[in-house]
Amino acid sequence: MRCHYEVLGVKRDATDDELKKTYRKLALKWHPDKNLDNSDEAEEQFKLIQAAYDVLSDPQERAWYDNHRDALLKGGLSGDYEDDSIDLLQYFTVTCYSGYGDDEEGFYTVYRTLFESIVKEEMEHSKVKDEEEEEFPPFGESQSDYDTIVHVFYGYWQSYCTRKNFAWKEEYDTRQASNRWEKRAMEKENKKSREKARKERNDLVRQLVAFVRKRDRRVQAHRKLVEEQNTEKLKKVKEQRLQQKLKQAKLAEDYKEQSWAAMSELEKELQQMEAQYGQEFGDASESEEEELDVEKASEDIDDATIDDYDDLYCPACDKSFKSEKAMKNHEKSKKHREMVALLRQQLEEEDDLLGLNVEAKEGSENEEEDDDEDEKPKQKCVTSYIKEVNLCCVTCSNEFSTRNKLFDHLKSSGHATAVSANATHSSMSKKDKKKKR
């Protein structure tokens, strides 16, 4: 059987107008009445032209013919069709080639020829006969570039999909259907058969591509190159990480040293500030600092670890100071004034007992009687009284020319402890007297 398109001499995508014009020309040329000398051949050719035009001029007949063209040309739909496709199974073995050169029996020549044959078959079954072959990437040679040839080839053929319609695999002739429902059922079964055959062909070609790619030296060389590059990159990454860790460790160590240095400097500054404020303000606190200093001074006296008092010593409070300013601030404090008053009372009582200061006693009694009329500041009274009192030790009755000498005597002899105890008792007695009044 001849192809209808070949009989009319048109392309497979020819339009209806082109078919009509071609048919008229051929009909006039091969009409039996115009070929009396060769009537038998003309009659046979005219029948083929008439049959081809009858099929191709009908859209439904033409569509069916296009789908079954290969089967009709190679044996028809009666089961006599002979598939002349390339047997790909014989290429699934290493015995089909010899070596990896570009010679006639070499790996690259054998498989390059094979894929070119597959492309040719695909082009024959394509609806558009003059479709460009550049659509199928070439296999290349042994020295072909990987990125431009090898990678592109395998990228296309690993997802290969045949253009064959496998109409010869159909089981039913839809033209023999008695009604449209029967025709649809036939078409459905025929479609399943075609899809099954197409899938088998696609899988077979893709498996062949995987077989070839696994043994392609160009792919192996590229894979080795990529592994070396990845190893080198991994090595560089490890070195960079190591350098980064060392750098971070060094920064942490430097930061730690800087922080310790900063803390040391801060401690020094705080100590300097404390010393400066202590010199400027001295005994600014009248509660905790005074009590701590008093306890420290009493311990020093009890242990007799200090031999001499300096000039900045308060005998009334039994406390020494580091600066004159601190001494002055202490003398202005309320606690100091109370201690001075207690010491004055103690001295008065001792003088009364020894009869050393009768006039001071009378003056003191008169002052207590006229206390409501002539009240004066405590600090002035204490200061004037201390100037008038004779400087003597109430315990041993020894007299001294200055207060410092008296204080040194009290410290060295331990008579100051007795004074403090007596002063406390005297203060309590006087308070009781005032309450009775």
Protein backbone atom coordinates (compact mmCIF):
# COMPACT_ATOMS: atom_id res chain seq x y z
CA MET A 1 0.00 0.00 0.00
CA ARG A 2 1.23 3.45 -0.90
CA CYS A 3 0.86 6.48 1.32
CA HIS A 4 -1.95 8.80 0.27
CA TYR A 5 0.25 11.84 0.77
CA GLU A 6 2.88 10.32 -1.53
CA VAL A 7 0.26 9.51 -4.18
CA LEU A 8 -0.87 13.13 -4.28
CA GLY A 9 2.67 14.45 -3.76
CA VAL A 10 1.78 16.76 -0.84
CA LYS A 11 3.04 17.24 2.68
CA ARG A 12 1.30 15.70 5.65
CA ASP A 13 0.23 19.13 6.86
CA ALA A 14 -1.22 20.22 3.49
CA THR A 15 -4.40 22.30 3.56
CA ASP A 16 -7.69 21.43 1.86
CA ASP A 17 -7.07 23.94 -0.94
CA GLU A 18 -3.67 22.47 -1.64
CA LEU A 19 -5.16 18.97 -1.77
CA LYS A 20 -7.91 20.10 -4.16
CA LYS A 21 -5.52 21.82 -6.58
CA THR A 22 -3.13 18.88 -6.59
CA TYR A 23 -5.93 16.40 -7.10
CA ARG A 24 -7.30 18.27 -10.15
CA LYS A 25 -3.92 18.43 -11.78
CA LEU A 26 -3.22 14.72 -11.26
CA ALA A 27 -6.75 13.72 -12.31
CA LEU A 28 -6.40 15.56 -15.62
CA LYS A 29 -2.98 14.08 -16.12
CA TRP A 30 -3.91 10.43 -15.40
CA HIS A 31 -7.50 10.32 -16.63
CA PRO A 32 -7.97 7.17 -18.80
CA ASP A 33 -9.62 9.15 -21.61
CA LYS A 34 -6.45 11.20 -22.02
CA ASN A 35 -4.11 8.23 -21.89
CA LEU A 36 -5.44 5.91 -24.54
CA ASP A 37 -1.99 4.63 -25.40
CA ASN A 38 -1.36 3.57 -21.77
CA SER A 39 -4.86 3.04 -20.52
CA ASP A 40 -4.11 0.25 -18.01
CA GLU A 41 -1.44 2.15 -16.09
CA ALA A 42 -3.41 5.36 -16.27
CA GLU A 43 -6.50 3.66 -14.93
CA GLU A 44 -4.55 2.16 -11.99
CA GLN A 45 -2.92 5.47 -11.15
CA PHE A 46 -6.22 7.33 -11.44
CA LYS A 47 -7.79 4.95 -8.90
CA LEU A 48 -5.01 5.60 -6.39
CA ILE A 49 -5.39 9.34 -6.84
CA GLN A 50 -9.15 9.13 -6.42
CA ALA A 51 -8.86 6.96 -3.27
CA ALA A 52 -6.24 9.21 -1.71
CA TYR A 53 -8.30 12.34 -2.27
CA ASP A 54 -11.46 10.69 -0.94
CA VAL A 55 -9.70 9.88 2.34
CA LEU A 56 -7.76 13.12 2.80
CA SER A 57 -10.62 15.41 1.81
CA ASP A 58 -12.78 14.04 4.64
CA PRO A 59 -11.55 15.43 8.02
CA GLN A 60 -12.58 12.34 10.00
CA GLU A 61 -11.13 9.92 7.48
CA ARG A 62 -7.92 11.93 7.32
CA ALA A 63 -7.55 11.98 11.11
CA TRP A 64 -8.03 8.23 11.33
CA TYR A 65 -5.57 7.69 8.49
CA ASP A 66 -2.94 9.90 10.15
CA ASN A 67 -3.20 7.88 13.37
CA HIS A 68 -2.96 4.52 11.62
CA ARG A 69 -0.71 5.43 8.72
CA ASP A 70 2.30 3.44 9.93
CA ALA A 71 0.25 0.34 10.60
CA LEU A 72 -1.44 0.54 7.22
CA LEU A 73 1.81 1.01 5.36
CA LYS A 74 3.50 -1.89 7.18
CA GLY A 75 0.88 -4.59 6.95
CA GLY A 76 -2.47 -3.17 7.85
CA LEU A 77 -4.60 -3.71 10.94
CA SER A 78 -5.17 -7.43 10.42
CA GLY A 79 -2.16 -8.45 12.55
CA ASP A 80 0.31 -8.75 9.69
CA TYR A 81 2.16 -5.60 10.73
CA GLU A 82 5.92 -6.01 10.99
CA ASP A 83 7.69 -3.58 13.31
CA ASP A 84 10.92 -2.49 11.65
CA SER A 85 12.10 -0.41 14.63
CA ILE A 86 15.67 -0.85 15.82
CA ASP A 87 16.20 -3.68 18.26
CA LEU A 88 17.64 -1.87 21.28
CA LEU A 89 18.21 -4.96 23.41
CA GLN A 90 21.36 -5.91 21.51
CA TYR A 91 22.99 -2.67 22.74
CA PHE A 92 22.62 -3.55 26.41
CA THR A 93 25.96 -5.36 26.44
CA VAL A 94 29.62 -4.39 26.35
CA THR A 95 30.24 -6.75 23.43
CA CYS A 96 28.54 -4.40 21.00
CA TYR A 97 31.56 -2.06 21.03
CA SER A 98 35.33 -2.39 21.21
CA GLY A 99 37.26 0.20 23.20
CA TYR A 100 36.43 3.81 23.95
CA GLY A 101 37.82 5.45 20.85
CA ASP A 102 36.20 7.18 17.90
CA ASP A 103 36.93 4.34 15.46
CA GLU A 104 34.18 2.44 13.67
CA GLU A 105 33.69 -0.16 16.42
CA GLY A 106 34.48 2.18 19.29
CA PHE A 107 32.09 3.07 22.09
CA TYR A 108 31.30 6.57 20.91
CA THR A 109 30.87 5.68 17.23
CA VAL A 110 28.53 2.73 17.93
CA TYR A 111 26.20 4.61 20.25
CA ARG A 112 26.34 7.82 18.22
CA THR A 113 25.09 5.86 15.19
CA LEU A 114 22.41 4.18 17.32
CA PHE A 115 20.95 7.44 18.62
CA GLU A 116 21.04 8.96 15.15
CA SER A 117 18.94 6.01 13.91
CA ILE A 118 16.45 6.52 16.73
CA VAL A 119 16.16 10.17 15.79
CA LYS A 120 15.53 9.19 12.16
CA GLU A 121 12.68 6.88 13.21
CA GLU A 122 11.16 9.61 15.32
CA MET A 123 11.29 12.02 12.41
CA GLU A 124 9.57 9.50 10.13
CA HIS A 125 6.68 9.14 12.56
CA SER A 126 6.39 12.85 13.14
CA LYS A 127 3.38 14.59 11.68
CA VAL A 128 5.53 17.42 10.37
CA LYS A 129 7.96 15.78 7.97
CA ASP A 130 10.48 18.58 7.70
CA GLU A 131 10.82 19.13 11.44
CA GLU A 132 14.32 20.21 12.35
CA GLU A 133 16.60 17.53 13.74
CA GLU A 134 18.46 20.01 15.98
CA GLU A 135 15.72 19.36 18.47
CA PHE A 136 17.52 16.11 19.35
CA PRO A 137 20.93 16.80 20.99
CA PRO A 138 23.82 14.82 19.44
CA PHE A 139 25.78 12.14 21.30
CA GLY A 140 29.15 13.70 20.49
CA GLU A 141 32.63 12.20 20.44
CA SER A 142 35.23 11.11 22.97
CA GLN A 143 36.66 14.62 23.32
CA SER A 144 33.36 16.51 23.33
CA ASP A 145 32.87 19.20 25.97
CA TYR A 146 30.85 18.05 28.94
CA ASP A 147 28.84 21.22 29.57
CA THR A 148 27.87 21.97 25.97
CA ILE A 149 27.50 18.43 24.52
CA VAL A 150 27.50 15.59 27.06
CA HIS A 151 25.38 17.20 29.77
CA VAL A 152 22.82 18.47 27.25
CA PHE A 153 22.55 15.07 25.53
CA TYR A 154 21.89 13.09 28.71
CA GLY A 155 19.60 15.78 30.05
CA TYR A 156 17.31 15.33 27.04
CA TRP A 157 17.46 11.56 26.54
CA GLN A 158 16.98 10.69 30.22
CA SER A 159 13.45 12.08 29.86
CA TYR A 160 12.90 10.68 26.37
CA CYS A 161 9.34 10.40 25.06
CA THR A 162 8.68 8.80 21.67
CA ARG A 163 6.62 10.44 18.97
CA LYS A 164 5.29 7.17 17.62
CA ASN A 165 1.56 6.67 18.05
CA PHE A 166 1.71 2.82 18.00
CA ALA A 167 -1.53 2.59 16.05
CA TRP A 168 -0.55 -0.91 14.91
CA LYS A 169 -1.04 -2.03 18.52
CA GLU A 170 -4.78 -1.36 18.33
CA GLU A 171 -7.05 -4.37 18.67
CA TYR A 172 -10.23 -2.97 17.10
CA ASP A 173 -11.10 -1.20 13.83
CA THR A 174 -13.42 1.58 14.83
CA ARG A 175 -14.78 1.78 11.29
CA GLN A 176 -16.50 -1.52 11.88
CA ALA A 177 -18.49 -0.22 14.85
CA SER A 178 -22.28 -0.45 14.46
CA ASN A 179 -23.03 2.61 16.61
CA ARG A 180 -21.25 5.41 18.39
CA TRP A 181 -21.28 3.74 21.81
CA GLU A 182 -19.54 0.72 20.39
CA LYS A 183 -17.09 2.99 18.60
CA ARG A 184 -16.25 4.82 21.84
CA ALA A 185 -15.63 1.53 23.62
CA MET A 186 -13.30 0.44 20.82
CA GLU A 187 -11.43 3.72 20.92
CA LYS A 188 -10.98 3.42 24.69
CA GLU A 189 -9.47 -0.06 24.42
CA ASN A 190 -7.28 0.97 21.51
CA LYS A 191 -6.00 3.95 23.50
CA LYS A 192 -4.99 1.68 26.39
CA SER A 193 -3.06 -0.53 23.99
CA ARG A 194 -1.26 2.42 22.42
CA GLU A 195 -0.34 3.96 25.78
CA LYS A 196 1.02 0.66 27.03
CA ALA A 197 3.22 0.24 23.96
CA ARG A 198 4.42 3.85 24.16
CA LYS A 199 5.35 3.46 27.83
CA GLU A 200 7.33 0.30 27.11
CA ARG A 201 9.24 2.06 24.34
CA ASN A 202 10.04 5.09 26.52
CA ASP A 203 11.25 2.92 29.40
CA LEU A 204 13.43 0.86 27.08
CA VAL A 205 15.15 3.91 25.59
CA ARG A 206 15.67 5.51 29.02
CA GLN A 207 17.22 2.32 30.38
CA LEU A 208 19.55 2.24 27.39
CA VAL A 209 20.58 5.85 28.10
CA ALA A 210 21.33 4.95 31.74
CA PHE A 211 23.41 1.97 30.59
CA VAL A 212 25.44 4.14 28.22
CA ARG A 213 25.89 6.97 30.71
CA LYS A 214 27.25 4.66 33.38
CA ARG A 215 30.05 3.56 31.01
CA ASP A 216 30.74 6.90 29.39
CA ARG A 217 34.32 7.94 30.18
CA ARG A 218 33.42 11.60 29.74
CA VAL A 219 30.86 11.37 32.54
CA GLN A 220 33.30 9.49 34.76
CA ALA A 221 36.01 12.11 34.24
CA HIS A 222 33.59 14.92 35.05
CA ARG A 223 32.36 13.12 38.17
CA LYS A 224 35.94 12.69 39.36
CA LEU A 225 36.65 16.36 38.72
CA VAL A 226 33.56 17.39 40.68
CA GLU A 227 34.57 15.15 43.60
CA GLU A 228 38.04 16.69 43.67
CA GLN A 229 36.55 20.17 43.61
CA ASN A 230 34.12 19.28 46.39
CA THR A 231 36.97 17.81 48.45
CA GLU A 232 39.00 20.96 47.96
CA LYS A 233 36.03 23.15 48.87
CA LEU A 234 35.35 21.05 51.96
CA LYS A 235 38.98 21.36 52.98
CA LYS A 236 38.86 25.13 52.57
CA VAL A 237 35.63 25.31 54.56
CA LYS A 238 37.19 23.31 57.41
CA GLU A 239 40.25 25.57 57.40
CA GLN A 240 38.05 28.65 57.45
CA ARG A 241 36.03 27.25 60.35
CA LEU A 242 39.21 26.43 62.25
CA GLN A 243 40.60 29.91 61.65
CA GLN A 244 37.30 31.41 62.72
CA LYS A 245 37.27 29.36 65.93
CA LEU A 246 40.86 30.38 66.72
CA LYS A 247 40.00 33.99 66.03
CA GLN A 248 36.94 33.83 68.27
CA ALA A 249 38.96 32.16 71.03
CA LYS A 250 41.60 34.87 70.79
CA LEU A 251 38.97 37.60 70.86
CA ALA A 252 37.37 35.99 73.91
CA GLU A 253 40.73 35.79 75.68
CA ASP A 254 41.55 39.41 74.83
CA TYR A 255 38.11 40.47 76.00
CA LYS A 256 38.59 38.59 79.28
CA GLU A 257 41.95 40.27 79.87
CA GLN A 258 40.47 43.65 79.03
CA SER A 259 37.56 43.06 81.39
CA TRP A 260 39.90 42.09 84.25
CA ALA A 261 42.07 45.11 83.53
CA ALA A 262 39.01 47.33 83.46
CA MET A 263 37.80 45.89 86.78
CA SER A 264 41.21 46.45 88.32
CA GLU A 265 41.24 50.04 87.14
CA LEU A 266 37.71 50.51 88.43
CA GLU A 267 38.65 49.13 91.85
CA LYS A 268 41.63 51.46 92.02
CA GLU A 269 39.44 54.43 91.11
CA LEU A 270 36.88 53.45 93.75
CA GLN A 271 39.60 53.14 96.39
CA GLN A 272 40.99 56.54 95.44
CA MET A 273 37.52 58.07 95.60
CA GLU A 274 36.86 56.51 99.00
CA ALA A 275 40.15 57.80 100.33
CA GLN A 276 39.49 61.26 98.93
CA TYR A 277 35.97 61.44 100.36
CA GLY A 278 37.24 60.15 103.70
CA GLN A 279 39.81 62.93 103.87
CA GLU A 280 37.36 65.62 102.79
CA PHE A 281 34.32 64.66 104.89
CA GLY A 282 35.82 62.54 107.66
CA ASP A 283 33.23 61.35 110.22
CA ALA A 284 30.19 62.40 108.19
CA SER A 285 28.06 59.53 109.49
CA GLU A 286 26.90 59.73 113.07
CA SER A 287 25.62 56.19 113.42
CA GLU A 288 27.38 53.14 112.03
CA GLU A 289 30.80 54.62 111.36
CA GLU A 290 31.00 56.17 114.88
CA GLU A 291 30.01 52.90 116.54
CA LEU A 292 32.58 50.94 114.55
CA ASP A 293 35.28 53.47 115.36
CA VAL A 294 34.35 53.46 119.07
CA GLU A 295 34.55 49.66 119.21
CA LYS A 296 37.89 49.70 117.44
CA ALA A 297 39.28 52.36 119.78
CA SER A 298 38.08 50.50 122.90
CA GLU A 299 39.73 47.30 121.66
CA ASP A 300 42.97 49.19 121.12
CA ILE A 301 42.82 50.56 124.66
CA ASP A 302 42.03 47.19 126.24
CA ASP A 303 44.87 45.45 124.39
CA ALA A 304 47.28 48.32 125.04
CA THR A 305 48.62 48.09 121.47
CA ILE A 306 48.92 51.87 120.96
CA ASP A 307 51.41 53.74 123.07
CA ASP A 308 50.61 57.35 122.24
CA TYR A 309 47.63 59.35 121.20
CA ASP A 310 48.03 61.97 118.57
CA ASP A 311 46.47 65.39 118.81
CA LEU A 312 43.36 64.27 116.88
CA TYR A 313 41.85 62.31 119.76
CA CYS A 314 38.53 62.82 121.53
CA PRO A 315 38.80 61.59 125.17
CA ALA A 316 35.11 62.08 125.81
CA CYS A 317 34.20 59.63 123.01
CA ASP A 318 37.47 57.67 123.25
CA LYS A 319 38.04 58.03 119.49
CA SER A 320 40.86 59.26 117.21
CA PHE A 321 40.62 60.89 113.79
CA LYS A 322 42.78 61.18 110.69
CA SER A 323 42.32 64.87 109.93
CA GLU A 324 41.41 68.14 111.64
CA LYS A 325 38.34 68.47 109.49
CA ALA A 326 37.07 65.11 110.66
CA MET A 327 37.78 66.16 114.26
CA LYS A 328 35.78 69.37 113.82
CA ASN A 329 32.86 67.54 112.27
CA HIS A 330 32.88 65.13 115.19
CA GLU A 331 32.90 67.93 117.76
CA LYS A 332 29.77 69.35 116.12
CA SER A 333 27.92 66.04 116.37
CA LYS A 334 25.15 65.45 118.89
CA LYS A 335 26.73 62.30 120.28
CA HIS A 336 29.96 64.13 121.07
CA ARG A 337 28.11 66.85 122.97
CA GLU A 338 26.30 64.24 125.04
CA MET A 339 29.56 62.49 125.90
CA VAL A 340 31.16 65.80 126.90
CA ALA A 341 28.21 66.53 129.18
CA LEU A 342 28.58 63.11 130.81
CA LEU A 343 32.29 63.67 131.31
CA ARG A 344 31.64 67.06 132.87
CA GLN A 345 29.15 65.58 135.32
CA GLN A 346 31.63 62.88 136.25
CA LEU A 347 34.35 65.43 136.87
CA GLU A 348 32.01 67.51 139.00
CA GLU A 349 31.08 64.54 141.14
CA GLU A 350 34.68 63.54 141.61
CA ASP A 351 35.61 67.08 142.56
CA ASP A 352 32.83 67.11 145.14
CA LEU A 353 34.12 63.92 146.67
CA LEU A 354 37.68 65.16 146.93
CA GLY A 355 36.75 68.73 147.88
CA LEU A 356 38.87 70.17 145.10
CA ASN A 357 36.32 72.42 143.48
CA VAL A 358 33.75 73.78 145.99
CA GLU A 359 33.10 76.93 144.08
CA ALA A 360 32.41 75.03 140.91
CA LYS A 361 29.90 72.92 142.86
CA GLU A 362 28.04 75.94 144.23
CA GLY A 363 27.98 77.50 140.81
CA SER A 364 26.61 74.29 139.41
CA GLU A 365 23.83 74.12 142.06
CA ASN A 366 22.86 77.74 141.42
CA GLU A 367 22.84 77.05 137.71
CA GLU A 368 20.51 74.07 138.21
CA GLU A 369 18.11 76.19 140.31
CA ASP A 370 18.01 79.00 137.75
CA ASP A 371 17.96 76.66 134.77
CA ASP A 372 14.57 77.89 133.54
CA GLU A 373 15.62 81.55 133.59
CA ASP A 374 19.20 81.49 132.26
CA GLU A 375 19.37 78.61 129.73
CA LYS A 376 22.41 78.67 127.42
CA PRO A 377 23.66 76.45 124.59
CA LYS A 378 25.23 73.21 125.78
CA GLN A 379 28.38 73.57 123.76
CA LYS A 380 29.29 77.00 125.23
CA CYS A 381 28.67 75.85 128.79
CA VAL A 382 30.79 72.77 128.35
CA THR A 383 33.63 74.73 126.79
CA SER A 384 33.68 77.41 129.53
CA TYR A 385 33.38 74.82 132.25
CA ILE A 386 36.23 72.68 130.99
CA LYS A 387 38.49 75.75 130.98
CA GLU A 388 37.70 76.46 134.68
CA VAL A 389 38.03 72.86 135.92
CA ASN A 390 41.37 71.75 137.29
CA LEU A 391 42.92 68.97 135.15
CA CYS A 392 43.29 66.02 137.46
CA CYS A 393 42.66 62.28 137.39
CA VAL A 394 39.59 61.38 139.43
CA THR A 395 41.03 57.97 140.18
CA CYS A 396 44.53 58.77 141.43
CA SER A 397 44.04 62.58 142.06
CA ASN A 398 47.11 63.52 140.00
CA GLU A 399 46.97 67.00 138.44
CA PHE A 400 48.10 67.88 134.90
CA SER A 401 48.88 71.16 133.17
CA THR A 402 47.22 70.27 129.82
CA ARG A 403 44.41 68.09 128.63
CA ASN A 404 46.66 66.06 126.35
CA LYS A 405 48.80 65.03 129.28
CA LEU A 406 45.69 64.08 131.21
CA PHE A 407 44.44 62.00 128.26
CA ASP A 408 47.79 60.26 127.89
CA HIS A 409 47.67 59.42 131.58
CA LEU A 410 44.14 58.05 131.31
CA LYS A 411 45.14 55.84 128.40
CA SER A 412 48.37 54.49 129.85
CA SER A 413 46.98 53.86 133.34
CA GLY A 414 43.59 52.49 132.27
CA HIS A 415 41.72 54.99 134.48
CA ALA A 416 39.54 56.00 131.53
CA THR A 417 37.51 52.78 131.77
CA ALA A 418 36.50 53.54 135.30
CA VAL A 419 35.55 57.06 134.29
CA SER A 420 33.25 55.81 131.57
CA ALA A 421 31.49 53.43 133.95
CA ASN A 422 31.08 56.08 136.64
CA ALA A 423 29.87 58.58 134.08
CA THR A 424 27.14 56.26 132.96
CA HIS A 425 26.05 55.66 136.56
CA SER A 426 26.11 59.36 137.33
CA SER A 427 24.03 60.14 134.28
CA MET A 428 21.37 57.72 135.35
CA SER A 429 21.33 59.18 138.87
CA LYS A 430 20.89 62.71 137.61
CA LYS A 431 18.06 61.69 135.34
CA ASP A 432 16.29 60.14 138.32
CA LYS A 433 16.74 63.37 140.25
CA LYS A 434 15.21 65.42 137.42
CA LYS A 435 12.25 63.07 137.24
CA LYS A 436 11.66 63.50 141.02
CA ARG A 437 11.72 67.27 140.62
